[in-house]
Amino acid sequence: MALVPEQGYKVSEAARSLEIGDNLLRRWKREFEEEAAGSRLTGDEREELKRLRKEVRMLRMEKEILKKPVSTSRRK
């Protein structure tokens, strides 16, 4: 990605030099800019979000279980 913004290459020139399609490089550039601006989650952040959502689901299930009344009847 450094070829385009830092060295002043046009996207088409950089893509040709890397032997990839213009659209692919444009997509990578957009994703890079979004991540740098904080408007897009990184791979690590996505994994953490997935893990946290799973943990929240489990905690909510545990909370519901604990809310249920405990049977106090005893057999004699």
N, C-alpha and C. Protein backbone atom coordinates (compact mmCIF):
# COMPACT_ATOMS: atom_id res chain seq x y z
N MET A 1 0.82 -1.19 0.00
CA MET A 1 0.00 0.00 0.00
C MET A 1 0.86 1.25 0.00
N ALA A 2 2.09 1.15 0.39
CA ALA A 2 2.94 2.33 0.46
C ALA A 2 3.24 2.93 -0.90
N LEU A 3 3.16 2.13 -1.95
CA LEU A 3 3.43 2.66 -3.30
C LEU A 3 2.46 3.78 -3.67
N VAL A 4 1.22 3.64 -3.29
CA VAL A 4 0.21 4.61 -3.73
C VAL A 4 0.28 5.92 -2.95
N PRO A 5 0.06 5.93 -1.63
CA PRO A 5 0.03 7.22 -0.95
C PRO A 5 1.41 7.83 -0.68
N GLU A 6 2.38 7.01 -0.30
CA GLU A 6 3.66 7.56 0.12
C GLU A 6 4.59 7.89 -1.04
N GLN A 7 4.52 7.12 -2.11
CA GLN A 7 5.45 7.34 -3.22
C GLN A 7 4.79 8.00 -4.41
N GLY A 8 3.52 8.34 -4.28
CA GLY A 8 2.85 9.11 -5.32
C GLY A 8 2.44 8.33 -6.56
N TYR A 9 2.44 7.03 -6.51
CA TYR A 9 2.01 6.22 -7.65
C TYR A 9 0.50 6.31 -7.81
N LYS A 10 0.03 6.24 -9.02
CA LYS A 10 -1.39 6.09 -9.27
C LYS A 10 -1.73 4.62 -9.00
N VAL A 11 -2.99 4.37 -8.66
CA VAL A 11 -3.41 3.01 -8.36
C VAL A 11 -3.14 2.11 -9.56
N SER A 12 -3.43 2.58 -10.76
CA SER A 12 -3.23 1.76 -11.95
C SER A 12 -1.75 1.42 -12.16
N GLU A 13 -0.86 2.38 -11.90
CA GLU A 13 0.59 2.14 -12.04
C GLU A 13 1.07 1.12 -11.01
N ALA A 14 0.63 1.29 -9.77
CA ALA A 14 1.05 0.37 -8.71
C ALA A 14 0.53 -1.03 -8.99
N ALA A 15 -0.72 -1.13 -9.44
CA ALA A 15 -1.31 -2.44 -9.75
C ALA A 15 -0.54 -3.12 -10.87
N ARG A 16 -0.20 -2.36 -11.89
CA ARG A 16 0.56 -2.92 -13.01
C ARG A 16 1.93 -3.39 -12.52
N SER A 17 2.57 -2.61 -11.68
CA SER A 17 3.89 -2.97 -11.17
C SER A 17 3.83 -4.23 -10.30
N LEU A 18 2.70 -4.43 -9.60
CA LEU A 18 2.53 -5.61 -8.76
C LEU A 18 1.89 -6.78 -9.50
N GLU A 19 1.52 -6.52 -10.74
CA GLU A 19 0.87 -7.52 -11.60
C GLU A 19 -0.43 -8.04 -10.99
N ILE A 20 -1.24 -7.09 -10.50
CA ILE A 20 -2.57 -7.42 -9.99
C ILE A 20 -3.58 -6.46 -10.63
N GLY A 21 -4.85 -6.76 -10.47
CA GLY A 21 -5.88 -5.91 -11.05
C GLY A 21 -6.05 -4.60 -10.29
N ASP A 22 -6.46 -3.57 -11.04
CA ASP A 22 -6.70 -2.25 -10.45
C ASP A 22 -7.74 -2.33 -9.33
N ASN A 23 -8.84 -3.05 -9.62
CA ASN A 23 -9.93 -3.12 -8.65
C ASN A 23 -9.49 -3.76 -7.34
N LEU A 24 -8.65 -4.79 -7.43
CA LEU A 24 -8.15 -5.45 -6.23
C LEU A 24 -7.34 -4.46 -5.39
N LEU A 25 -6.46 -3.73 -6.03
CA LEU A 25 -5.63 -2.76 -5.31
C LEU A 25 -6.48 -1.64 -4.73
N ARG A 26 -7.48 -1.19 -5.47
CA ARG A 26 -8.38 -0.15 -4.95
C ARG A 26 -9.11 -0.65 -3.71
N ARG A 27 -9.58 -1.92 -3.73
CA ARG A 27 -10.27 -2.49 -2.57
C ARG A 27 -9.32 -2.56 -1.37
N TRP A 28 -8.09 -3.03 -1.60
CA TRP A 28 -7.12 -3.09 -0.52
C TRP A 28 -6.84 -1.70 0.04
N LYS A 29 -6.71 -0.73 -0.83
CA LYS A 29 -6.45 0.65 -0.41
C LYS A 29 -7.60 1.16 0.44
N ARG A 30 -8.84 0.92 0.00
CA ARG A 30 -10.02 1.37 0.75
C ARG A 30 -10.06 0.70 2.13
N GLU A 31 -9.82 -0.63 2.16
CA GLU A 31 -9.84 -1.36 3.44
C GLU A 31 -8.74 -0.85 4.37
N PHE A 32 -7.57 -0.60 3.81
CA PHE A 32 -6.45 -0.08 4.61
C PHE A 32 -6.81 1.28 5.21
N GLU A 33 -7.40 2.15 4.40
CA GLU A 33 -7.77 3.49 4.87
C GLU A 33 -8.86 3.40 5.94
N GLU A 34 -9.83 2.49 5.76
CA GLU A 34 -10.90 2.33 6.74
C GLU A 34 -10.35 1.83 8.07
N GLU A 35 -9.43 0.87 8.01
CA GLU A 35 -8.82 0.36 9.23
C GLU A 35 -8.01 1.45 9.92
N ALA A 36 -7.27 2.22 9.15
CA ALA A 36 -6.44 3.28 9.71
C ALA A 36 -7.32 4.36 10.36
N ALA A 37 -8.48 4.62 9.78
CA ALA A 37 -9.39 5.63 10.32
C ALA A 37 -10.21 5.10 11.49
N GLY A 38 -10.16 3.80 11.70
CA GLY A 38 -10.91 3.21 12.80
C GLY A 38 -12.36 2.91 12.47
N SER A 39 -12.74 3.05 11.20
CA SER A 39 -14.13 2.78 10.82
C SER A 39 -14.34 1.34 10.39
N ARG A 40 -13.29 0.54 10.42
CA ARG A 40 -13.38 -0.86 10.04
C ARG A 40 -12.63 -1.69 11.08
N LEU A 41 -13.18 -2.84 11.41
CA LEU A 41 -12.54 -3.72 12.39
C LEU A 41 -11.39 -4.49 11.75
N THR A 42 -10.33 -4.65 12.50
CA THR A 42 -9.22 -5.48 12.04
C THR A 42 -9.59 -6.94 12.29
N GLY A 43 -8.82 -7.85 11.77
CA GLY A 43 -9.07 -9.28 11.98
C GLY A 43 -9.06 -9.65 13.46
N ASP A 44 -8.11 -9.09 14.21
CA ASP A 44 -8.04 -9.36 15.65
C ASP A 44 -9.27 -8.83 16.37
N GLU A 45 -9.72 -7.65 15.96
CA GLU A 45 -10.91 -7.06 16.58
C GLU A 45 -12.16 -7.87 16.27
N ARG A 46 -12.25 -8.40 15.05
CA ARG A 46 -13.40 -9.24 14.69
C ARG A 46 -13.42 -10.51 15.52
N GLU A 47 -12.24 -11.12 15.72
CA GLU A 47 -12.15 -12.33 16.53
C GLU A 47 -12.53 -12.04 17.98
N GLU A 48 -12.06 -10.91 18.51
CA GLU A 48 -12.40 -10.54 19.88
C GLU A 48 -13.90 -10.29 20.02
N LEU A 49 -14.49 -9.62 19.05
CA LEU A 49 -15.93 -9.36 19.07
C LEU A 49 -16.71 -10.66 19.05
N LYS A 50 -16.29 -11.60 18.24
CA LYS A 50 -16.94 -12.91 18.16
C LYS A 50 -16.86 -13.62 19.51
N ARG A 51 -15.68 -13.59 20.13
CA ARG A 51 -15.48 -14.22 21.42
C ARG A 51 -16.34 -13.56 22.50
N LEU A 52 -16.38 -12.24 22.50
CA LEU A 52 -17.16 -11.51 23.50
C LEU A 52 -18.66 -11.76 23.34
N ARG A 53 -19.13 -11.84 22.11
CA ARG A 53 -20.55 -12.12 21.88
C ARG A 53 -20.91 -13.51 22.40
N LYS A 54 -20.02 -14.46 22.18
CA LYS A 54 -20.26 -15.82 22.69
C LYS A 54 -20.31 -15.80 24.21
N GLU A 55 -19.39 -15.07 24.82
CA GLU A 55 -19.35 -14.98 26.28
C GLU A 55 -20.63 -14.33 26.82
N VAL A 56 -21.11 -13.29 26.17
CA VAL A 56 -22.35 -12.63 26.59
C VAL A 56 -23.52 -13.60 26.51
N ARG A 57 -23.59 -14.39 25.43
CA ARG A 57 -24.66 -15.39 25.30
C ARG A 57 -24.64 -16.37 26.47
N MET A 58 -23.45 -16.85 26.80
CA MET A 58 -23.31 -17.81 27.91
C MET A 58 -23.72 -17.17 29.24
N LEU A 59 -23.29 -15.95 29.48
CA LEU A 59 -23.62 -15.27 30.73
C LEU A 59 -25.12 -15.03 30.84
N ARG A 60 -25.76 -14.69 29.73
CA ARG A 60 -27.22 -14.49 29.75
C ARG A 60 -27.93 -15.80 30.05
N MET A 61 -27.44 -16.90 29.50
CA MET A 61 -28.05 -18.20 29.79
C MET A 61 -27.89 -18.55 31.27
N GLU A 62 -26.69 -18.31 31.81
CA GLU A 62 -26.46 -18.58 33.22
C GLU A 62 -27.36 -17.71 34.10
N LYS A 63 -27.53 -16.47 33.72
CA LYS A 63 -28.39 -15.56 34.47
C LYS A 63 -29.83 -16.07 34.49
N GLU A 64 -30.32 -16.54 33.35
CA GLU A 64 -31.68 -17.07 33.28
C GLU A 64 -31.84 -18.31 34.14
N ILE A 65 -30.83 -19.15 34.15
CA ILE A 65 -30.86 -20.36 34.98
C ILE A 65 -30.93 -19.98 36.45
N LEU A 66 -30.14 -18.99 36.84
CA LEU A 66 -30.11 -18.57 38.25
C LEU A 66 -31.40 -17.85 38.67
N LYS A 67 -32.13 -17.30 37.74
CA LYS A 67 -33.39 -16.63 38.04
C LYS A 67 -34.49 -17.62 38.39
N LYS A 68 -34.42 -18.84 37.89
CA LYS A 68 -35.47 -19.82 38.11
C LYS A 68 -35.55 -20.17 39.59
N PRO A 69 -36.78 -20.32 40.09
CA PRO A 69 -36.92 -20.64 41.52
C PRO A 69 -36.36 -22.03 41.83
N VAL A 70 -35.80 -22.13 43.00
CA VAL A 70 -35.24 -23.38 43.47
C VAL A 70 -36.33 -24.12 44.23
N SER A 71 -36.49 -25.37 43.92
CA SER A 71 -37.49 -26.17 44.62
C SER A 71 -37.07 -26.37 46.05
N THR A 72 -37.98 -26.03 46.99
CA THR A 72 -37.65 -26.16 48.41
C THR A 72 -38.35 -27.34 49.09
N SER A 73 -39.11 -28.07 48.32
CA SER A 73 -39.82 -29.20 48.93
C SER A 73 -38.84 -30.34 49.19
N ARG A 74 -39.03 -30.97 50.34
CA ARG A 74 -38.16 -32.09 50.72
C ARG A 74 -39.02 -33.31 50.96
N ARG A 75 -38.52 -34.42 50.57
CA ARG A 75 -39.24 -35.67 50.83
C ARG A 75 -38.81 -36.22 52.17
N LYS A 76 -39.78 -36.72 52.92
CA LYS A 76 -39.48 -37.29 54.23
C LYS A 76 -39.83 -38.74 54.27
